[in-house]
Amino acid sequence: MRKGETDIGILLRSMNPVLHEGEYVFCPLGGNVNVDIRHVLGSFKEEEGITIVVEKRLANEMNLSYSFVSSWITLQVHSSLEAVGLTAAFSTALSDAGISCNVIAAFYHDHIFVPVNDKLRAMETLIRLSQC
């Protein structure tokens, strides 16, 4: 199994961000909530409970609480979990543009969740960063 790229220059030039359709939310799960894992984009267990990332439509159907509605951007480069600097580079570029981001680093790709109203500016920012 390939480990992924670690060279920051290659990572930045090869980011190839892709904007997914739809709106996504981060939801804290209560005690008796059952969610089909096939509908969950991501999850994390914290001391306070489990947070899941799902489509806003599903969260509304299940009456799940959320406060942040986001768009989902995937960087298509296969970045190594050991790579240094990629998250710092794109989060700094987005921050400099006044765009908040929440990041999930998975085995193959980095997934960035930005406010829905900033999705196009975020894409422009990431594309510009990859061309430097």
C-alpha atoms as a PDB file:
ATOM      1  CA  MET A   1       0.000   0.000   0.000  1.00  0.00           C
ATOM      2  CA  ARG A   2       1.360   3.398  -1.042  1.00  0.00           C
ATOM      3  CA  LYS A   3       2.068   5.778   1.830  1.00  0.00           C
ATOM      4  CA  GLY A   4       1.425   9.010  -0.011  1.00  0.00           C
ATOM      5  CA  GLU A   5       3.476  12.072  -0.917  1.00  0.00           C
ATOM      6  CA  THR A   6       5.587  13.899   1.678  1.00  0.00           C
ATOM      7  CA  ASP A   7       7.349  16.560  -0.418  1.00  0.00           C
ATOM      8  CA  ILE A   8       5.610  19.871   0.348  1.00  0.00           C
ATOM      9  CA  GLY A   9       6.378  21.335  -3.074  1.00  0.00           C
ATOM     10  CA  ILE A  10       4.821  18.387  -4.867  1.00  0.00           C
ATOM     11  CA  LEU A  11       1.889  18.353  -2.456  1.00  0.00           C
ATOM     12  CA  LEU A  12       1.083  22.017  -3.063  1.00  0.00           C
ATOM     13  CA  ARG A  13       1.434  21.799  -6.849  1.00  0.00           C
ATOM     14  CA  SER A  14      -0.682  18.617  -6.945  1.00  0.00           C
ATOM     15  CA  MET A  15      -3.484  19.564  -4.536  1.00  0.00           C
ATOM     16  CA  ASN A  16      -6.167  19.602  -7.273  1.00  0.00           C
ATOM     17  CA  PRO A  17      -9.036  20.693  -4.984  1.00  0.00           C
ATOM     18  CA  VAL A  18     -12.484  19.333  -5.841  1.00  0.00           C
ATOM     19  CA  LEU A  19     -15.683  20.902  -4.527  1.00  0.00           C
ATOM     20  CA  HIS A  20     -18.399  18.376  -3.693  1.00  0.00           C
ATOM     21  CA  GLU A  21     -22.078  19.132  -4.228  1.00  0.00           C
ATOM     22  CA  GLY A  22     -24.287  19.624  -1.196  1.00  0.00           C
ATOM     23  CA  GLU A  23     -24.087  21.039   2.301  1.00  0.00           C
ATOM     24  CA  TYR A  24     -22.489  19.266   5.258  1.00  0.00           C
ATOM     25  CA  VAL A  25     -22.746  19.618   9.032  1.00  0.00           C
ATOM     26  CA  PHE A  26     -20.938  18.480  12.168  1.00  0.00           C
ATOM     27  CA  CYS A  27     -23.416  16.928  14.629  1.00  0.00           C
ATOM     28  CA  PRO A  28     -22.903  15.823  18.223  1.00  0.00           C
ATOM     29  CA  LEU A  29     -24.708  12.524  18.794  1.00  0.00           C
ATOM     30  CA  GLY A  30     -26.982  12.009  21.757  1.00  0.00           C
ATOM     31  CA  GLY A  31     -27.289   8.735  23.618  1.00  0.00           C
ATOM     32  CA  ASN A  32     -30.031   6.978  21.641  1.00  0.00           C
ATOM     33  CA  VAL A  33     -29.292   8.170  18.114  1.00  0.00           C
ATOM     34  CA  ASN A  34     -28.654   5.460  15.523  1.00  0.00           C
ATOM     35  CA  VAL A  35     -27.100   6.581  12.254  1.00  0.00           C
ATOM     36  CA  ASP A  36     -26.365   4.279   9.347  1.00  0.00           C
ATOM     37  CA  ILE A  37     -22.563   4.396   9.047  1.00  0.00           C
ATOM     38  CA  ARG A  38     -22.898   4.439   5.249  1.00  0.00           C
ATOM     39  CA  HIS A  39     -24.247   8.001   5.509  1.00  0.00           C
ATOM     40  CA  VAL A  40     -21.447   9.282   7.768  1.00  0.00           C
ATOM     41  CA  LEU A  41     -18.549  11.112   6.094  1.00  0.00           C
ATOM     42  CA  GLY A  42     -16.496  11.195   9.254  1.00  0.00           C
ATOM     43  CA  SER A  43     -16.663  10.769  12.993  1.00  0.00           C
ATOM     44  CA  PHE A  44     -14.590  11.467  16.035  1.00  0.00           C
ATOM     45  CA  LYS A  45     -14.967  10.346  19.627  1.00  0.00           C
ATOM     46  CA  GLU A  46     -14.241  13.071  22.169  1.00  0.00           C
ATOM     47  CA  GLU A  47     -14.580  13.117  25.930  1.00  0.00           C
ATOM     48  CA  GLU A  48     -17.955  14.863  25.559  1.00  0.00           C
ATOM     49  CA  GLY A  49     -19.309  12.392  23.011  1.00  0.00           C
ATOM     50  CA  ILE A  50     -19.213  11.434  19.346  1.00  0.00           C
ATOM     51  CA  THR A  51     -19.324  14.002  16.540  1.00  0.00           C
ATOM     52  CA  ILE A  52     -20.320  12.957  13.035  1.00  0.00           C
ATOM     53  CA  VAL A  53     -20.118  14.764   9.695  1.00  0.00           C
ATOM     54  CA  VAL A  54     -23.145  14.174   7.481  1.00  0.00           C
ATOM     55  CA  GLU A  55     -25.145  15.845   4.753  1.00  0.00           C
ATOM     56  CA  LYS A  56     -27.319  18.642   6.113  1.00  0.00           C
ATOM     57  CA  ARG A  57     -30.381  16.993   4.559  1.00  0.00           C
ATOM     58  CA  LEU A  58     -29.833  13.832   6.628  1.00  0.00           C
ATOM     59  CA  ALA A  59     -29.209  15.812   9.809  1.00  0.00           C
ATOM     60  CA  ASN A  60     -32.493  17.643   9.284  1.00  0.00           C
ATOM     61  CA  GLU A  61     -34.376  14.393   8.584  1.00  0.00           C
ATOM     62  CA  MET A  62     -32.989  12.888  11.804  1.00  0.00           C
ATOM     63  CA  ASN A  63     -33.509  16.085  13.802  1.00  0.00           C
ATOM     64  CA  LEU A  64     -29.789  16.238  14.689  1.00  0.00           C
ATOM     65  CA  SER A  65     -28.385  19.477  16.054  1.00  0.00           C
ATOM     66  CA  TYR A  66     -25.668  21.461  14.290  1.00  0.00           C
ATOM     67  CA  SER A  67     -24.468  25.050  14.130  1.00  0.00           C
ATOM     68  CA  PHE A  68     -22.102  25.198  11.152  1.00  0.00           C
ATOM     69  CA  VAL A  69     -23.199  24.551   7.567  1.00  0.00           C
ATOM     70  CA  SER A  70     -20.275  23.863   5.283  1.00  0.00           C
ATOM     71  CA  SER A  71     -19.147  22.914   1.827  1.00  0.00           C
ATOM     72  CA  TRP A  72     -16.744  20.008   1.377  1.00  0.00           C
ATOM     73  CA  ILE A  73     -13.524  20.308  -0.623  1.00  0.00           C
ATOM     74  CA  THR A  74     -11.220  17.332  -1.174  1.00  0.00           C
ATOM     75  CA  LEU A  75      -7.568  17.751  -2.098  1.00  0.00           C
ATOM     76  CA  GLN A  76      -6.999  15.031  -4.689  1.00  0.00           C
ATOM     77  CA  VAL A  77      -3.285  14.629  -3.974  1.00  0.00           C
ATOM     78  CA  HIS A  78      -2.509  11.466  -1.993  1.00  0.00           C
ATOM     79  CA  SER A  79      -0.779  13.109   0.945  1.00  0.00           C
ATOM     80  CA  SER A  80       1.083  11.062   3.516  1.00  0.00           C
ATOM     81  CA  LEU A  81      -0.137  11.274   7.088  1.00  0.00           C
ATOM     82  CA  GLU A  82       3.517  12.008   7.871  1.00  0.00           C
ATOM     83  CA  ALA A  83       3.729  14.987   5.497  1.00  0.00           C
ATOM     84  CA  VAL A  84       4.815  18.248   7.091  1.00  0.00           C
ATOM     85  CA  GLY A  85       3.365  21.618   6.136  1.00  0.00           C
ATOM     86  CA  LEU A  86       0.402  20.923   3.846  1.00  0.00           C
ATOM     87  CA  THR A  87      -2.299  21.659   6.417  1.00  0.00           C
ATOM     88  CA  ALA A  88      -0.403  24.731   7.610  1.00  0.00           C
ATOM     89  CA  ALA A  89      -0.036  26.018   4.045  1.00  0.00           C
ATOM     90  CA  PHE A  90      -3.663  25.730   2.985  1.00  0.00           C
ATOM     91  CA  SER A  91      -5.115  26.754   6.346  1.00  0.00           C
ATOM     92  CA  THR A  92      -2.888  29.859   6.356  1.00  0.00           C
ATOM     93  CA  ALA A  93      -3.927  30.737   2.796  1.00  0.00           C
ATOM     94  CA  LEU A  94      -7.601  30.329   3.706  1.00  0.00           C
ATOM     95  CA  SER A  95      -7.116  32.299   6.926  1.00  0.00           C
ATOM     96  CA  ASP A  96      -5.412  35.121   5.027  1.00  0.00           C
ATOM     97  CA  ALA A  97      -8.517  35.194   2.783  1.00  0.00           C
ATOM     98  CA  GLY A  98     -10.763  35.383   5.862  1.00  0.00           C
ATOM     99  CA  ILE A  99     -12.138  31.866   5.396  1.00  0.00           C
ATOM    100  CA  SER A 100     -12.491  29.451   8.298  1.00  0.00           C
ATOM    101  CA  CYS A 101     -11.803  25.786   7.682  1.00  0.00           C
ATOM    102  CA  ASN A 102     -12.236  22.496   9.463  1.00  0.00           C
ATOM    103  CA  VAL A 103      -9.977  19.708   8.260  1.00  0.00           C
ATOM    104  CA  ILE A 104     -10.233  15.941   8.305  1.00  0.00           C
ATOM    105  CA  ALA A 105      -7.072  14.150   7.226  1.00  0.00           C
ATOM    106  CA  ALA A 106      -7.903  10.658   6.012  1.00  0.00           C
ATOM    107  CA  PHE A 107      -5.503   7.993   4.711  1.00  0.00           C
ATOM    108  CA  TYR A 108      -5.553   9.147   1.090  1.00  0.00           C
ATOM    109  CA  HIS A 109      -6.695  12.767   1.072  1.00  0.00           C
ATOM    110  CA  ASP A 110      -7.292  15.893   3.111  1.00  0.00           C
ATOM    111  CA  HIS A 111     -10.899  17.053   3.339  1.00  0.00           C
ATOM    112  CA  ILE A 112     -11.624  20.704   4.047  1.00  0.00           C
ATOM    113  CA  PHE A 113     -14.975  22.015   5.260  1.00  0.00           C
ATOM    114  CA  VAL A 114     -15.533  25.732   4.682  1.00  0.00           C
ATOM    115  CA  PRO A 115     -18.581  27.960   5.199  1.00  0.00           C
ATOM    116  CA  VAL A 116     -21.052  27.485   2.335  1.00  0.00           C
ATOM    117  CA  ASN A 117     -20.938  31.175   1.424  1.00  0.00           C
ATOM    118  CA  ASP A 118     -17.134  31.017   1.070  1.00  0.00           C
ATOM    119  CA  LYS A 119     -16.864  27.855  -1.053  1.00  0.00           C
ATOM    120  CA  LEU A 120     -15.989  29.582  -4.344  1.00  0.00           C
ATOM    121  CA  ARG A 121     -13.471  31.939  -2.725  1.00  0.00           C
ATOM    122  CA  ALA A 122     -11.969  28.928  -0.935  1.00  0.00           C
ATOM    123  CA  MET A 123     -11.603  27.068  -4.227  1.00  0.00           C
ATOM    124  CA  GLU A 124      -9.979  30.120  -5.850  1.00  0.00           C
ATOM    125  CA  THR A 125      -7.607  30.461  -2.889  1.00  0.00           C
ATOM    126  CA  LEU A 126      -6.577  26.798  -3.006  1.00  0.00           C
ATOM    127  CA  ILE A 127      -6.089  26.844  -6.774  1.00  0.00           C
ATOM    128  CA  ARG A 128      -3.983  30.012  -6.509  1.00  0.00           C
ATOM    129  CA  LEU A 129      -1.888  28.371  -3.748  1.00  0.00           C
ATOM    130  CA  SER A 130      -1.243  25.338  -5.942  1.00  0.00           C
ATOM    131  CA  GLN A 131       0.045  27.579  -8.738  1.00  0.00           C
ATOM    132  CA  CYS A 132       2.740  29.299  -6.639  1.00  0.00           C
END
